């Protein structure tokens, strides 16, 4: 059985993925909520990221997406904005 912390890490990354799904489906409110929640929770791993995940980069990327959506809506995003790297 997986540890609670292992499951929690997966949940945080899943929230990031669901935030992107909201972007692709045109739901700006849902995208911002999930991206913000994921960034806040992933940030706790920034100093000691598990499995080589680029936690600090993911947090910065999610927050950049949030800012762009809040300022210009989903139309402010390009396809390239939806791409990042999970590993350092």
Protein backbone atom coordinates (compact mmCIF):
# COMPACT_ATOMS: atom_id res chain seq x y z
CA UNK A 1 0.00 0.00 0.00
CA UNK A 2 1.29 3.49 -0.87
CA UNK A 3 2.24 5.87 1.91
CA UNK A 4 0.03 8.86 2.66
CA UNK A 5 2.83 11.21 1.59
CA UNK A 6 3.28 9.36 -1.72
CA UNK A 7 -0.44 9.62 -2.44
CA UNK A 8 -0.37 13.31 -1.47
CA UNK A 9 2.41 14.03 -3.95
CA UNK A 10 0.44 12.36 -6.71
CA UNK A 11 -2.65 14.36 -5.78
CA UNK A 12 -0.72 17.63 -6.04
CA UNK A 13 0.53 16.78 -9.51
CA UNK A 14 -2.95 15.60 -10.50
CA UNK A 15 -4.35 18.99 -9.48
CA UNK A 16 -1.87 20.62 -11.81
CA UNK A 17 -3.01 18.35 -14.65
CA UNK A 18 -6.68 19.06 -13.93
CA UNK A 19 -5.91 22.79 -13.96
CA UNK A 20 -4.52 22.37 -17.48
CA UNK A 21 -7.59 20.39 -18.47
CA UNK A 22 -9.74 23.32 -17.36
CA UNK A 23 -7.61 25.64 -19.51
CA UNK A 24 -8.08 23.43 -22.54
CA UNK A 25 -11.83 23.22 -21.96
CA UNK A 26 -12.22 26.99 -21.60
CA UNK A 27 -12.92 27.11 -17.85
CA UNK A 28 -10.77 29.99 -16.59
CA UNK A 29 -12.20 29.97 -13.06
CA UNK A 30 -11.59 26.25 -12.60
CA UNK A 31 -8.12 26.54 -14.12
CA UNK A 32 -7.06 29.31 -11.74
CA UNK A 33 -8.47 27.50 -8.71
CA UNK A 34 -6.74 24.20 -9.46
CA UNK A 35 -3.46 25.75 -10.60
CA UNK A 36 -3.35 27.89 -7.46
CA UNK A 37 -4.12 24.95 -5.18
CA UNK A 38 -1.50 22.80 -6.90
CA UNK A 39 1.16 25.55 -6.73
CA UNK A 40 0.53 26.13 -3.03
CA UNK A 41 0.82 22.42 -2.26
CA UNK A 42 3.75 21.66 -4.56
CA UNK A 43 5.66 24.62 -3.10
CA UNK A 44 6.17 22.61 0.08
CA UNK A 45 8.48 20.31 -1.88
CA UNK A 46 10.58 23.06 -3.49
CA UNK A 47 13.52 22.68 -1.09
CA UNK A 48 13.62 18.87 -1.25
CA UNK A 49 11.67 17.70 -4.30
CA UNK A 50 10.91 13.98 -4.54
CA UNK A 51 11.85 11.87 -7.56
CA UNK A 52 13.80 14.70 -9.19
CA UNK A 53 10.63 16.68 -9.85
CA UNK A 54 11.35 20.33 -10.61
CA UNK A 55 8.98 21.54 -7.89
CA UNK A 56 10.13 25.18 -7.84
CA UNK A 57 9.87 25.37 -11.64
CA UNK A 58 6.35 23.89 -11.59
CA UNK A 59 5.25 26.37 -8.95
CA UNK A 60 6.64 29.31 -10.96
CA UNK A 61 5.06 28.00 -14.15
CA UNK A 62 1.65 27.53 -12.50
CA UNK A 63 1.76 31.01 -10.97
CA UNK A 64 2.74 32.53 -14.29
CA UNK A 65 -0.24 30.81 -15.92
CA UNK A 66 -2.54 32.09 -13.17
CA UNK A 67 -1.30 35.65 -13.61
CA UNK A 68 -1.75 35.55 -17.38
CA UNK A 69 -5.25 34.09 -17.10
CA UNK A 70 -6.29 36.66 -14.50
CA UNK A 71 -4.92 39.54 -16.58
CA UNK A 72 -5.91 38.50 -20.10
CA UNK A 73 -8.17 35.47 -19.83
CA UNK A 74 -7.52 32.16 -21.48
CA UNK A 75 -6.96 33.92 -24.81
CA UNK A 76 -3.71 35.29 -23.34
CA UNK A 77 -2.21 31.79 -23.33
CA UNK A 78 -0.45 30.12 -26.24
CA UNK A 79 -0.02 26.40 -26.82
CA UNK A 80 3.61 26.78 -25.70
CA UNK A 81 2.40 28.17 -22.36
CA UNK A 82 0.76 24.83 -21.66
CA UNK A 83 4.06 22.96 -21.76
CA UNK A 84 6.56 22.53 -18.95
CA UNK A 85 9.00 19.91 -17.70
CA UNK A 86 8.42 17.84 -14.58
CA UNK A 87 12.04 17.01 -13.96
CA UNK A 88 15.04 19.20 -13.28
